[in-house]
Amino acid sequence: MSTDTLISDTAISEKSDASIPNGSAAAAILSAGIGSLAVAILTIVADQSAIVKSMFSIYKPTGALSGVTTLTIVVWLVAWILLEWRWRGRNQSLKRINIIAFALLALSLLATFPPLGDLL
């Protein structure tokens, strides 16, 4: 193979990679961040309110955690479906999406850290 053939093959593959839409991947990444924040918020709400805690007790041995995780999965799936529907076939700024998703993850970790979570 000649060097010209390798260069032209590389240029063709780079061009085709750039045209692949990343909206579906962006939707999956951002919905994961939304889901992580949802589990933190629902955990705090269940810990603070006896009424919510009893409503979230789907399976008695695990208590409110069973309802928190179930509702979190619903929030995550709805966010993923809506974002996928909206962004399918489009290009999104993955840098911006990743920053937002990691910020949501960091907020959820801070919110569920006991000294901080008890203040909320």
PDB file of N, CA and C in Angstrom:
ATOM      1  N   MET A   1       0.832  -1.182   0.000  1.00  0.00           N
ATOM      2  CA  MET A   1       0.000   0.000   0.000  1.00  0.00           C
ATOM      3  C   MET A   1       0.872   1.238   0.000  1.00  0.00           C
ATOM      4  N   SER A   2       0.447   2.207  -0.706  1.00  0.00           N
ATOM      5  CA  SER A   2       1.231   3.429  -0.764  1.00  0.00           C
ATOM      6  C   SER A   2       0.812   4.373   0.359  1.00  0.00           C
ATOM      7  N   THR A   3       1.650   5.353   0.614  1.00  0.00           N
ATOM      8  CA  THR A   3       1.376   6.338   1.656  1.00  0.00           C
ATOM      9  C   THR A   3       0.156   7.178   1.307  1.00  0.00           C
ATOM     10  N   ASP A   4      -0.043   7.456   0.024  1.00  0.00           N
ATOM     11  CA  ASP A   4      -1.200   8.245  -0.408  1.00  0.00           C
ATOM     12  C   ASP A   4      -2.502   7.523  -0.103  1.00  0.00           C
ATOM     13  N   THR A   5      -2.522   6.211  -0.280  1.00  0.00           N
ATOM     14  CA  THR A   5      -3.725   5.434   0.003  1.00  0.00           C
ATOM     15  C   THR A   5      -4.041   5.469   1.489  1.00  0.00           C
ATOM     16  N   LEU A   6      -3.040   5.323   2.340  1.00  0.00           N
ATOM     17  CA  LEU A   6      -3.256   5.369   3.791  1.00  0.00           C
ATOM     18  C   LEU A   6      -3.760   6.729   4.238  1.00  0.00           C
ATOM     19  N   ILE A   7      -3.201   7.774   3.687  1.00  0.00           N
ATOM     20  CA  ILE A   7      -3.635   9.122   4.052  1.00  0.00           C
ATOM     21  C   ILE A   7      -5.070   9.367   3.612  1.00  0.00           C
ATOM     22  N   SER A   8      -5.425   8.944   2.422  1.00  0.00           N
ATOM     23  CA  SER A   8      -6.793   9.170   1.946  1.00  0.00           C
ATOM     24  C   SER A   8      -7.792   8.310   2.720  1.00  0.00           C
ATOM     25  N   ASP A   9      -7.419   7.069   3.097  1.00  0.00           N
ATOM     26  CA  ASP A   9      -8.299   6.234   3.902  1.00  0.00           C
ATOM     27  C   ASP A   9      -8.519   6.842   5.285  1.00  0.00           C
ATOM     28  N   THR A  10      -7.471   7.391   5.869  1.00  0.00           N
ATOM     29  CA  THR A  10      -7.588   8.029   7.176  1.00  0.00           C
ATOM     30  C   THR A  10      -8.484   9.259   7.093  1.00  0.00           C
ATOM     31  N   ALA A  11      -8.338  10.039   6.065  1.00  0.00           N
ATOM     32  CA  ALA A  11      -9.160  11.239   5.898  1.00  0.00           C
ATOM     33  C   ALA A  11     -10.626  10.862   5.733  1.00  0.00           C
ATOM     34  N   ILE A  12     -10.898   9.794   5.012  1.00  0.00           N
ATOM     35  CA  ILE A  12     -12.288   9.357   4.818  1.00  0.00           C
ATOM     36  C   ILE A  12     -12.880   8.885   6.145  1.00  0.00           C
ATOM     37  N   SER A  13     -12.124   8.090   6.927  1.00  0.00           N
ATOM     38  CA  SER A  13     -12.672   7.597   8.192  1.00  0.00           C
ATOM     39  C   SER A  13     -12.866   8.731   9.188  1.00  0.00           C
ATOM     40  N   GLU A  14     -11.974   9.720   9.221  1.00  0.00           N
ATOM     41  CA  GLU A  14     -12.156  10.857  10.121  1.00  0.00           C
ATOM     42  C   GLU A  14     -13.371  11.679   9.724  1.00  0.00           C
ATOM     43  N   LYS A  15     -13.602  11.817   8.442  1.00  0.00           N
ATOM     44  CA  LYS A  15     -14.748  12.589   7.974  1.00  0.00           C
ATOM     45  C   LYS A  15     -16.046  11.875   8.348  1.00  0.00           C
ATOM     46  N   SER A  16     -16.107  10.553   8.200  1.00  0.00           N
ATOM     47  CA  SER A  16     -17.336   9.831   8.511  1.00  0.00           C
ATOM     48  C   SER A  16     -17.607   9.799  10.009  1.00  0.00           C
ATOM     49  N   ASP A  17     -16.549   9.768  10.850  1.00  0.00           N
ATOM     50  CA  ASP A  17     -16.746   9.798  12.297  1.00  0.00           C
ATOM     51  C   ASP A  17     -17.339  11.124  12.751  1.00  0.00           C
ATOM     52  N   ALA A  18     -16.958  12.207  12.121  1.00  0.00           N
ATOM     53  CA  ALA A  18     -17.451  13.525  12.513  1.00  0.00           C
ATOM     54  C   ALA A  18     -18.923  13.706  12.175  1.00  0.00           C
ATOM     55  N   SER A  19     -19.432  12.946  11.230  1.00  0.00           N
ATOM     56  CA  SER A  19     -20.816  13.117  10.827  1.00  0.00           C
ATOM     57  C   SER A  19     -21.790  12.253  11.628  1.00  0.00           C
ATOM     58  N   ILE A  20     -21.283  11.434  12.528  1.00  0.00           N
ATOM     59  CA  ILE A  20     -22.156  10.591  13.346  1.00  0.00           C
ATOM     60  C   ILE A  20     -22.759  11.446  14.459  1.00  0.00           C
ATOM     61  N   PRO A  21     -24.094  11.522  14.557  1.00  0.00           N
ATOM     62  CA  PRO A  21     -24.716  12.333  15.613  1.00  0.00           C
ATOM     63  C   PRO A  21     -24.459  11.734  17.001  1.00  0.00           C
ATOM     64  N   ASN A  22     -24.278  12.588  17.989  1.00  0.00           N
ATOM     65  CA  ASN A  22     -23.989  12.129  19.347  1.00  0.00           C
ATOM     66  C   ASN A  22     -25.119  12.432  20.329  1.00  0.00           C
ATOM     67  N   GLY A  23     -26.284  12.789  19.821  1.00  0.00           N
ATOM     68  CA  GLY A  23     -27.401  13.140  20.689  1.00  0.00           C
ATOM     69  C   GLY A  23     -27.849  12.013  21.602  1.00  0.00           C
ATOM     70  N   SER A  24     -27.827  10.781  21.093  1.00  0.00           N
ATOM     71  CA  SER A  24     -28.231   9.633  21.916  1.00  0.00           C
ATOM     72  C   SER A  24     -27.270   9.416  23.074  1.00  0.00           C
ATOM     73  N   ALA A  25     -25.980   9.552  22.802  1.00  0.00           N
ATOM     74  CA  ALA A  25     -24.993   9.408  23.875  1.00  0.00           C
ATOM     75  C   ALA A  25     -25.133  10.538  24.891  1.00  0.00           C
ATOM     76  N   ALA A  26     -25.345  11.741  24.408  1.00  0.00           N
ATOM     77  CA  ALA A  26     -25.526  12.882  25.307  1.00  0.00           C
ATOM     78  C   ALA A  26     -26.763  12.684  26.185  1.00  0.00           C
ATOM     79  N   ALA A  27     -27.818  12.141  25.616  1.00  0.00           N
ATOM     80  CA  ALA A  27     -29.042  11.881  26.378  1.00  0.00           C
ATOM     81  C   ALA A  27     -28.788  10.861  27.486  1.00  0.00           C
ATOM     82  N   ALA A  28     -28.036   9.826  27.186  1.00  0.00           N
ATOM     83  CA  ALA A  28     -27.730   8.804  28.193  1.00  0.00           C
ATOM     84  C   ALA A  28     -26.878   9.382  29.314  1.00  0.00           C
ATOM     85  N   ILE A  29     -25.891  10.194  28.967  1.00  0.00           N
ATOM     86  CA  ILE A  29     -24.993  10.775  29.974  1.00  0.00           C
ATOM     87  C   ILE A  29     -25.741  11.745  30.880  1.00  0.00           C
ATOM     88  N   LEU A  30     -26.519  12.643  30.291  1.00  0.00           N
ATOM     89  CA  LEU A  30     -27.237  13.632  31.100  1.00  0.00           C
ATOM     90  C   LEU A  30     -28.324  12.977  31.941  1.00  0.00           C
ATOM     91  N   SER A  31     -28.997  11.973  31.414  1.00  0.00           N
ATOM     92  CA  SER A  31     -30.031  11.303  32.202  1.00  0.00           C
ATOM     93  C   SER A  31     -29.432  10.574  33.401  1.00  0.00           C
ATOM     94  N   ALA A  32     -28.203  10.089  33.287  1.00  0.00           N
ATOM     95  CA  ALA A  32     -27.531   9.475  34.438  1.00  0.00           C
ATOM     96  C   ALA A  32     -27.291  10.514  35.534  1.00  0.00           C
ATOM     97  N   GLY A  33     -26.893  11.718  35.146  1.00  0.00           N
ATOM     98  CA  GLY A  33     -26.719  12.787  36.120  1.00  0.00           C
ATOM     99  C   GLY A  33     -28.033  13.178  36.778  1.00  0.00           C
ATOM    100  N   ILE A  34     -29.091  13.245  35.983  1.00  0.00           N
ATOM    101  CA  ILE A  34     -30.414  13.570  36.519  1.00  0.00           C
ATOM    102  C   ILE A  34     -30.874  12.484  37.484  1.00  0.00           C
ATOM    103  N   GLY A  35     -30.644  11.229  37.127  1.00  0.00           N
ATOM    104  CA  GLY A  35     -31.018  10.121  38.002  1.00  0.00           C
ATOM    105  C   GLY A  35     -30.260  10.135  39.321  1.00  0.00           C
ATOM    106  N   SER A  36     -28.982  10.480  39.273  1.00  0.00           N
ATOM    107  CA  SER A  36     -28.203  10.526  40.515  1.00  0.00           C
ATOM    108  C   SER A  36     -28.689  11.644  41.437  1.00  0.00           C
ATOM    109  N   LEU A  37     -29.049  12.779  40.860  1.00  0.00           N
ATOM    110  CA  LEU A  37     -29.594  13.855  41.681  1.00  0.00           C
ATOM    111  C   LEU A  37     -30.978  13.482  42.224  1.00  0.00           C
ATOM    112  N   ALA A  38     -31.752  12.758  41.433  1.00  0.00           N
ATOM    113  CA  ALA A  38     -33.085  12.331  41.880  1.00  0.00           C
ATOM    114  C   ALA A  38     -32.988  11.416  43.096  1.00  0.00           C
ATOM    115  N   VAL A  39     -32.038  10.487  43.090  1.00  0.00           N
ATOM    116  CA  VAL A  39     -31.911   9.587  44.239  1.00  0.00           C
ATOM    117  C   VAL A  39     -31.514  10.365  45.488  1.00  0.00           C
ATOM    118  N   ALA A  40     -30.686  11.382  45.344  1.00  0.00           N
ATOM    119  CA  ALA A  40     -30.297  12.192  46.499  1.00  0.00           C
ATOM    120  C   ALA A  40     -31.484  12.985  47.043  1.00  0.00           C
ATOM    121  N   ILE A  41     -32.211  13.633  46.152  1.00  0.00           N
ATOM    122  CA  ILE A  41     -33.358  14.438  46.579  1.00  0.00           C
ATOM    123  C   ILE A  41     -34.430  13.569  47.230  1.00  0.00           C
ATOM    124  N   LEU A  42     -34.741  12.443  46.609  1.00  0.00           N
ATOM    125  CA  LEU A  42     -35.775  11.569  47.166  1.00  0.00           C
ATOM    126  C   LEU A  42     -35.351  10.952  48.492  1.00  0.00           C
ATOM    127  N   THR A  43     -34.072  10.657  48.645  1.00  0.00           N
ATOM    128  CA  THR A  43     -33.576  10.123  49.916  1.00  0.00           C
ATOM    129  C   THR A  43     -33.721  11.159  51.025  1.00  0.00           C
ATOM    130  N   ILE A  44     -33.367  12.391  50.732  1.00  0.00           N
ATOM    131  CA  ILE A  44     -33.486  13.454  51.732  1.00  0.00           C
ATOM    132  C   ILE A  44     -34.948  13.684  52.101  1.00  0.00           C
ATOM    133  N   VAL A  45     -35.825  13.723  51.098  1.00  0.00           N
ATOM    134  CA  VAL A  45     -37.255  13.931  51.356  1.00  0.00           C
ATOM    135  C   VAL A  45     -37.811  12.791  52.203  1.00  0.00           C
ATOM    136  N   ALA A  46     -37.431  11.563  51.890  1.00  0.00           N
ATOM    137  CA  ALA A  46     -37.924  10.413  52.656  1.00  0.00           C
ATOM    138  C   ALA A  46     -37.399  10.431  54.082  1.00  0.00           C
ATOM    139  N   ASP A  47     -36.181  10.892  54.279  1.00  0.00           N
ATOM    140  CA  ASP A  47     -35.622  10.972  55.637  1.00  0.00           C
ATOM    141  C   ASP A  47     -36.262  12.073  56.463  1.00  0.00           C
ATOM    142  N   GLN A  48     -36.679  13.148  55.834  1.00  0.00           N
ATOM    143  CA  GLN A  48     -37.217  14.304  56.545  1.00  0.00           C
ATOM    144  C   GLN A  48     -38.708  14.193  56.857  1.00  0.00           C
ATOM    145  N   SER A  49     -39.442  13.422  56.073  1.00  0.00           N
ATOM    146  CA  SER A  49     -40.895  13.369  56.230  1.00  0.00           C
ATOM    147  C   SER A  49     -41.365  11.948  56.529  1.00  0.00           C
ATOM    148  N   ALA A  50     -42.068  11.794  57.629  1.00  0.00           N
ATOM    149  CA  ALA A  50     -42.589  10.480  58.003  1.00  0.00           C
ATOM    150  C   ALA A  50     -43.673  10.011  57.031  1.00  0.00           C
ATOM    151  N   ILE A  51     -44.452  10.949  56.512  1.00  0.00           N
ATOM    152  CA  ILE A  51     -45.512  10.594  55.558  1.00  0.00           C
ATOM    153  C   ILE A  51     -44.910  10.062  54.270  1.00  0.00           C
ATOM    154  N   VAL A  52     -43.920  10.762  53.758  1.00  0.00           N
ATOM    155  CA  VAL A  52     -43.259  10.322  52.528  1.00  0.00           C
ATOM    156  C   VAL A  52     -42.533   9.006  52.764  1.00  0.00           C
ATOM    157  N   LYS A  53     -41.911   8.882  53.921  1.00  0.00           N
ATOM    158  CA  LYS A  53     -41.201   7.645  54.250  1.00  0.00           C
ATOM    159  C   LYS A  53     -42.147   6.448  54.226  1.00  0.00           C
ATOM    160  N   SER A  54     -43.331   6.612  54.775  1.00  0.00           N
ATOM    161  CA  SER A  54     -44.294   5.505  54.761  1.00  0.00           C
ATOM    162  C   SER A  54     -44.840   5.262  53.351  1.00  0.00           C
ATOM    163  N   MET A  55     -44.980   6.322  52.556  1.00  0.00           N
ATOM    164  CA  MET A  55     -45.449   6.150  51.166  1.00  0.00           C
ATOM    165  C   MET A  55     -44.407   5.424  50.321  1.00  0.00           C
ATOM    166  N   PHE A  56     -43.137   5.661  50.589  1.00  0.00           N
ATOM    167  CA  PHE A  56     -42.062   5.049  49.821  1.00  0.00           C
ATOM    168  C   PHE A  56     -41.749   3.619  50.260  1.00  0.00           C
ATOM    169  N   SER A  57     -42.336   3.161  51.345  1.00  0.00           N
ATOM    170  CA  SER A  57     -42.059   1.802  51.837  1.00  0.00           C
ATOM    171  C   SER A  57     -42.852   0.788  51.019  1.00  0.00           C
ATOM    172  N   ILE A  58     -42.291   0.402  49.892  1.00  0.00           N
ATOM    173  CA  ILE A  58     -42.933  -0.583  49.018  1.00  0.00           C
ATOM    174  C   ILE A  58     -42.677  -1.991  49.543  1.00  0.00           C
ATOM    175  N   TYR A  59     -41.450  -2.233  49.972  1.00  0.00           N
ATOM    176  CA  TYR A  59     -41.037  -3.533  50.495  1.00  0.00           C
ATOM    177  C   TYR A  59     -40.549  -3.293  51.919  1.00  0.00           C
ATOM    178  N   LYS A  60     -41.305  -3.783  52.887  1.00  0.00           N
ATOM    179  CA  LYS A  60     -41.082  -3.449  54.301  1.00  0.00           C
ATOM    180  C   LYS A  60     -39.655  -3.700  54.816  1.00  0.00           C
ATOM    181  N   PRO A  61     -38.988  -4.827  54.484  1.00  0.00           N
ATOM    182  CA  PRO A  61     -37.635  -5.021  55.021  1.00  0.00           C
ATOM    183  C   PRO A  61     -36.632  -3.935  54.627  1.00  0.00           C
ATOM    184  N   THR A  62     -36.803  -3.300  53.478  1.00  0.00           N
ATOM    185  CA  THR A  62     -35.864  -2.245  53.078  1.00  0.00           C
ATOM    186  C   THR A  62     -36.377  -0.860  53.415  1.00  0.00           C
ATOM    187  N   GLY A  63     -37.628  -0.744  53.783  1.00  0.00           N
ATOM    188  CA  GLY A  63     -38.193   0.542  54.163  1.00  0.00           C
ATOM    189  C   GLY A  63     -38.349   1.486  52.978  1.00  0.00           C
ATOM    190  N   ALA A  64     -38.057   2.764  53.207  1.00  0.00           N
ATOM    191  CA  ALA A  64     -38.262   3.787  52.181  1.00  0.00           C
ATOM    192  C   ALA A  64     -37.300   3.644  51.004  1.00  0.00           C
ATOM    193  N   LEU A  65     -36.195   2.959  51.211  1.00  0.00           N
ATOM    194  CA  LEU A  65     -35.221   2.792  50.134  1.00  0.00           C
ATOM    195  C   LEU A  65     -35.831   2.116  48.910  1.00  0.00           C
ATOM    196  N   SER A  66     -36.766   1.204  49.122  1.00  0.00           N
ATOM    197  CA  SER A  66     -37.392   0.523  47.982  1.00  0.00           C
ATOM    198  C   SER A  66     -38.185   1.500  47.114  1.00  0.00           C
ATOM    199  N   GLY A  67     -38.887   2.419  47.723  1.00  0.00           N
ATOM    200  CA  GLY A  67     -39.632   3.418  46.965  1.00  0.00           C
ATOM    201  C   GLY A  67     -38.736   4.476  46.355  1.00  0.00           C
ATOM    202  N   VAL A  68     -37.687   4.854  47.082  1.00  0.00           N
ATOM    203  CA  VAL A  68     -36.746   5.853  46.570  1.00  0.00           C
ATOM    204  C   VAL A  68     -36.085   5.336  45.300  1.00  0.00           C
ATOM    205  N   THR A  69     -35.587   4.125  45.331  1.00  0.00           N
ATOM    206  CA  THR A  69     -34.905   3.584  44.156  1.00  0.00           C
ATOM    207  C   THR A  69     -35.868   3.325  43.004  1.00  0.00           C
ATOM    208  N   THR A  70     -37.070   2.886  43.313  1.00  0.00           N
ATOM    209  CA  THR A  70     -38.055   2.657  42.258  1.00  0.00           C
ATOM    210  C   THR A  70     -38.426   3.964  41.561  1.00  0.00           C
ATOM    211  N   LEU A  71     -38.708   4.989  42.338  1.00  0.00           N
ATOM    212  CA  LEU A  71     -39.063   6.280  41.758  1.00  0.00           C
ATOM    213  C   LEU A  71     -37.876   6.908  41.027  1.00  0.00           C
ATOM    214  N   THR A  72     -36.671   6.689  41.539  1.00  0.00           N
ATOM    215  CA  THR A  72     -35.479   7.190  40.864  1.00  0.00           C
ATOM    216  C   THR A  72     -35.316   6.553  39.491  1.00  0.00           C
ATOM    217  N   ILE A  73     -35.567   5.264  39.397  1.00  0.00           N
ATOM    218  CA  ILE A  73     -35.480   4.586  38.096  1.00  0.00           C
ATOM    219  C   ILE A  73     -36.501   5.162  37.131  1.00  0.00           C
ATOM    220  N   VAL A  74     -37.688   5.469  37.613  1.00  0.00           N
ATOM    221  CA  VAL A  74     -38.718   6.076  36.764  1.00  0.00           C
ATOM    222  C   VAL A  74     -38.262   7.455  36.277  1.00  0.00           C
ATOM    223  N   VAL A  75     -37.720   8.273  37.188  1.00  0.00           N
ATOM    224  CA  VAL A  75     -37.231   9.607  36.808  1.00  0.00           C
ATOM    225  C   VAL A  75     -36.117   9.487  35.768  1.00  0.00           C
ATOM    226  N   TRP A  76     -35.175   8.585  36.013  1.00  0.00           N
ATOM    227  CA  TRP A  76     -34.056   8.375  35.086  1.00  0.00           C
ATOM    228  C   TRP A  76     -34.551   7.936  33.709  1.00  0.00           C
ATOM    229  N   LEU A  77     -35.462   6.967  33.673  1.00  0.00           N
ATOM    230  CA  LEU A  77     -35.971   6.488  32.388  1.00  0.00           C
ATOM    231  C   LEU A  77     -36.753   7.562  31.637  1.00  0.00           C
ATOM    232  N   VAL A  78     -37.575   8.312  32.336  1.00  0.00           N
ATOM    233  CA  VAL A  78     -38.343   9.384  31.689  1.00  0.00           C
ATOM    234  C   VAL A  78     -37.391  10.449  31.142  1.00  0.00           C
ATOM    235  N   ALA A  79     -36.387  10.821  31.925  1.00  0.00           N
ATOM    236  CA  ALA A  79     -35.407  11.808  31.445  1.00  0.00           C
ATOM    237  C   ALA A  79     -34.676  11.281  30.212  1.00  0.00           C
ATOM    238  N   TRP A  80     -34.275  10.022  30.246  1.00  0.00           N
ATOM    239  CA  TRP A  80     -33.548   9.436  29.123  1.00  0.00           C
ATOM    240  C   TRP A  80     -34.425   9.383  27.877  1.00  0.00           C
ATOM    241  N   ILE A  81     -35.661   8.956  28.031  1.00  0.00           N
ATOM    242  CA  ILE A  81     -36.581   8.853  26.884  1.00  0.00           C
ATOM    243  C   ILE A  81     -36.843  10.226  26.283  1.00  0.00           C
ATOM    244  N   LEU A  82     -37.116  11.217  27.132  1.00  0.00           N
ATOM    245  CA  LEU A  82     -37.400  12.557  26.616  1.00  0.00           C
ATOM    246  C   LEU A  82     -36.188  13.183  25.941  1.00  0.00           C
ATOM    247  N   LEU A  83     -35.007  13.052  26.556  1.00  0.00           N
ATOM    248  CA  LEU A  83     -33.801  13.609  25.949  1.00  0.00           C
ATOM    249  C   LEU A  83     -33.441  12.881  24.659  1.00  0.00           C
ATOM    250  N   GLU A  84     -33.594  11.560  24.655  1.00  0.00           N
ATOM    251  CA  GLU A  84     -33.327  10.781  23.437  1.00  0.00           C
ATOM    252  C   GLU A  84     -34.265  11.205  22.312  1.00  0.00           C
ATOM    253  N   TRP A  85     -35.521  11.380  22.642  1.00  0.00           N
ATOM    254  CA  TRP A  85     -36.511  11.779  21.640  1.00  0.00           C
ATOM    255  C   TRP A  85     -36.170  13.162  21.078  1.00  0.00           C
ATOM    256  N   ARG A  86     -35.746  14.050  21.951  1.00  0.00           N
ATOM    257  CA  ARG A  86     -35.442  15.417  21.527  1.00  0.00           C
ATOM    258  C   ARG A  86     -34.109  15.537  20.786  1.00  0.00           C
ATOM    259  N   TRP A  87     -33.092  14.770  21.209  1.00  0.00           N
ATOM    260  CA  TRP A  87     -31.750  14.922  20.663  1.00  0.00           C
ATOM    261  C   TRP A  87     -31.365  13.875  19.629  1.00  0.00           C
ATOM    262  N   ARG A  88     -32.211  12.905  19.358  1.00  0.00           N
ATOM    263  CA  ARG A  88     -31.861  11.854  18.407  1.00  0.00           C
ATOM    264  C   ARG A  88     -31.509  12.463  17.047  1.00  0.00           C
ATOM    265  N   GLY A  89     -30.393  12.031  16.489  1.00  0.00           N
ATOM    266  CA  GLY A  89     -29.980  12.507  15.182  1.00  0.00           C
ATOM    267  C   GLY A  89     -29.317  13.860  15.182  1.00  0.00           C
ATOM    268  N   ARG A  90     -29.081  14.436  16.348  1.00  0.00           N
ATOM    269  CA  ARG A  90     -28.445  15.756  16.441  1.00  0.00           C
ATOM    270  C   ARG A  90     -27.079  15.627  17.098  1.00  0.00           C
ATOM    271  N   ASN A  91     -26.301  16.666  16.963  1.00  0.00           N
ATOM    272  CA  ASN A  91     -25.028  16.754  17.662  1.00  0.00           C
ATOM    273  C   ASN A  91     -25.170  17.706  18.843  1.00  0.00           C
ATOM    274  N   GLN A  92     -24.682  17.271  19.984  1.00  0.00           N
ATOM    275  CA  GLN A  92     -24.691  18.078  21.192  1.00  0.00           C
ATOM    276  C   GLN A  92     -23.248  18.315  21.628  1.00  0.00           C
ATOM    277  N   SER A  93     -23.044  19.332  22.411  1.00  0.00           N
ATOM    278  CA  SER A  93     -21.723  19.606  22.963  1.00  0.00           C
ATOM    279  C   SER A  93     -21.478  18.624  24.114  1.00  0.00           C
ATOM    280  N   LEU A  94     -20.719  17.579  23.829  1.00  0.00           N
ATOM    281  CA  LEU A  94     -20.482  16.569  24.863  1.00  0.00           C
ATOM    282  C   LEU A  94     -19.676  17.127  26.028  1.00  0.00           C
ATOM    283  N   LYS A  95     -18.843  18.110  25.777  1.00  0.00           N
ATOM    284  CA  LYS A  95     -18.095  18.727  26.864  1.00  0.00           C
ATOM    285  C   LYS A  95     -19.062  19.383  27.856  1.00  0.00           C
ATOM    286  N   ARG A  96     -20.018  20.119  27.333  1.00  0.00           N
ATOM    287  CA  ARG A  96     -21.005  20.794  28.189  1.00  0.00           C
ATOM    288  C   ARG A  96     -21.891  19.769  28.903  1.00  0.00           C
ATOM    289  N   ILE A  97     -22.330  18.747  28.183  1.00  0.00           N
ATOM    290  CA  ILE A  97     -23.180  17.704  28.772  1.00  0.00           C
ATOM    291  C   ILE A  97     -22.430  16.976  29.881  1.00  0.00           C
ATOM    292  N   ASN A  98     -21.167  16.640  29.645  1.00  0.00           N
ATOM    293  CA  ASN A  98     -20.371  15.950  30.666  1.00  0.00           C
ATOM    294  C   ASN A  98     -20.169  16.823  31.903  1.00  0.00           C
ATOM    295  N   ILE A  99     -19.926  18.110  31.719  1.00  0.00           N
ATOM    296  CA  ILE A  99     -19.758  19.018  32.857  1.00  0.00           C
ATOM    297  C   ILE A  99     -21.047  19.081  33.679  1.00  0.00           C
ATOM    298  N   ILE A 100     -22.177  19.204  33.002  1.00  0.00           N
ATOM    299  CA  ILE A 100     -23.461  19.251  33.706  1.00  0.00           C
ATOM    300  C   ILE A 100     -23.731  17.941  34.441  1.00  0.00           C
ATOM    301  N   ALA A 101     -23.487  16.815  33.776  1.00  0.00           N
ATOM    302  CA  ALA A 101     -23.746  15.508  34.385  1.00  0.00           C
ATOM    303  C   ALA A 101     -22.850  15.292  35.603  1.00  0.00           C
ATOM    304  N   PHE A 102     -21.565  15.647  35.496  1.00  0.00           N
ATOM    305  CA  PHE A 102     -20.675  15.488  36.648  1.00  0.00           C
ATOM    306  C   PHE A 102     -21.020  16.472  37.765  1.00  0.00           C
ATOM    307  N   ALA A 103     -21.511  17.650  37.437  1.00  0.00           N
ATOM    308  CA  ALA A 103     -21.960  18.596  38.463  1.00  0.00           C
ATOM    309  C   ALA A 103     -23.169  18.031  39.209  1.00  0.00           C
ATOM    310  N   LEU A 104     -24.103  17.427  38.479  1.00  0.00           N
ATOM    311  CA  LEU A 104     -25.262  16.803  39.118  1.00  0.00           C
ATOM    312  C   LEU A 104     -24.837  15.640  40.001  1.00  0.00           C
ATOM    313  N   LEU A 105     -23.877  14.859  39.535  1.00  0.00           N
ATOM    314  CA  LEU A 105     -23.357  13.756  40.335  1.00  0.00           C
ATOM    315  C   LEU A 105     -22.679  14.273  41.602  1.00  0.00           C
ATOM    316  N   ALA A 106     -21.887  15.323  41.476  1.00  0.00           N
ATOM    317  CA  ALA A 106     -21.221  15.903  42.643  1.00  0.00           C
ATOM    318  C   ALA A 106     -22.244  16.450  43.642  1.00  0.00           C
ATOM    319  N   LEU A 107     -23.281  17.127  43.147  1.00  0.00           N
ATOM    320  CA  LEU A 107     -24.339  17.624  44.038  1.00  0.00           C
ATOM    321  C   LEU A 107     -25.034  16.484  44.761  1.00  0.00           C
ATOM    322  N   SER A 108     -25.282  15.397  44.051  1.00  0.00           N
ATOM    323  CA  SER A 108     -25.963  14.265  44.685  1.00  0.00           C
ATOM    324  C   SER A 108     -25.079  13.621  45.746  1.00  0.00           C
ATOM    325  N   LEU A 109     -23.780  13.529  45.482  1.00  0.00           N
ATOM    326  CA  LEU A 109     -22.876  12.974  46.490  1.00  0.00           C
ATOM    327  C   LEU A 109     -22.792  13.878  47.719  1.00  0.00           C
ATOM    328  N   LEU A 110     -22.720  15.174  47.499  1.00  0.00           N
ATOM    329  CA  LEU A 110     -22.685  16.106  48.625  1.00  0.00           C
ATOM    330  C   LEU A 110     -23.989  16.076  49.417  1.00  0.00           C
ATOM    331  N   ALA A 111     -25.109  15.996  48.722  1.00  0.00           N
ATOM    332  CA  ALA A 111     -26.411  16.008  49.400  1.00  0.00           C
ATOM    333  C   ALA A 111     -26.635  14.759  50.238  1.00  0.00           C
ATOM    334  N   THR A 112     -26.055  13.637  49.828  1.00  0.00           N
ATOM    335  CA  THR A 112     -26.252  12.406  50.595  1.00  0.00           C
ATOM    336  C   THR A 112     -25.142  12.161  51.612  1.00  0.00           C
ATOM    337  N   PHE A 113     -24.130  13.036  51.659  1.00  0.00           N
ATOM    338  CA  PHE A 113     -23.095  12.959  52.686  1.00  0.00           C
ATOM    339  C   PHE A 113     -23.749  13.357  54.001  1.00  0.00           C
ATOM    340  N   PRO A 114     -23.755  12.483  55.006  1.00  0.00           N
ATOM    341  CA  PRO A 114     -24.562  12.703  56.218  1.00  0.00           C
ATOM    342  C   PRO A 114     -24.455  14.085  56.864  1.00  0.00           C
ATOM    343  N   PRO A 115     -23.281  14.654  57.089  1.00  0.00           N
ATOM    344  CA  PRO A 115     -23.287  15.981  57.729  1.00  0.00           C
ATOM    345  C   PRO A 115     -23.998  17.046  56.888  1.00  0.00           C
ATOM    346  N   LEU A 116     -23.845  16.983  55.574  1.00  0.00           N
ATOM    347  CA  LEU A 116     -24.504  17.965  54.713  1.00  0.00           C
ATOM    348  C   LEU A 116     -25.970  17.621  54.475  1.00  0.00           C
ATOM    349  N   GLY A 117     -26.251  16.342  54.291  1.00  0.00           N
ATOM    350  CA  GLY A 117     -27.633  15.916  54.052  1.00  0.00           C
ATOM    351  C   GLY A 117     -28.554  16.199  55.223  1.00  0.00           C
ATOM    352  N   ASP A 118     -28.012  16.125  56.447  1.00  0.00           N
ATOM    353  CA  ASP A 118     -28.824  16.414  57.616  1.00  0.00           C
ATOM    354  C   ASP A 118     -29.157  17.890  57.765  1.00  0.00           C
ATOM    355  N   LEU A 119     -28.338  18.749  57.153  1.00  0.00           N
ATOM    356  CA  LEU A 119     -28.601  20.185  57.201  1.00  0.00           C
ATOM    357  C   LEU A 119     -29.743  20.590  56.275  1.00  0.00           C
ATOM    358  N   LEU A 120     -29.962  19.821  55.230  1.00  0.00           N
ATOM    359  CA  LEU A 120     -30.986  20.164  54.238  1.00  0.00           C
ATOM    360  C   LEU A 120     -32.361  19.851  54.696  1.00  0.00           C
TER     361      LEU A 120
END
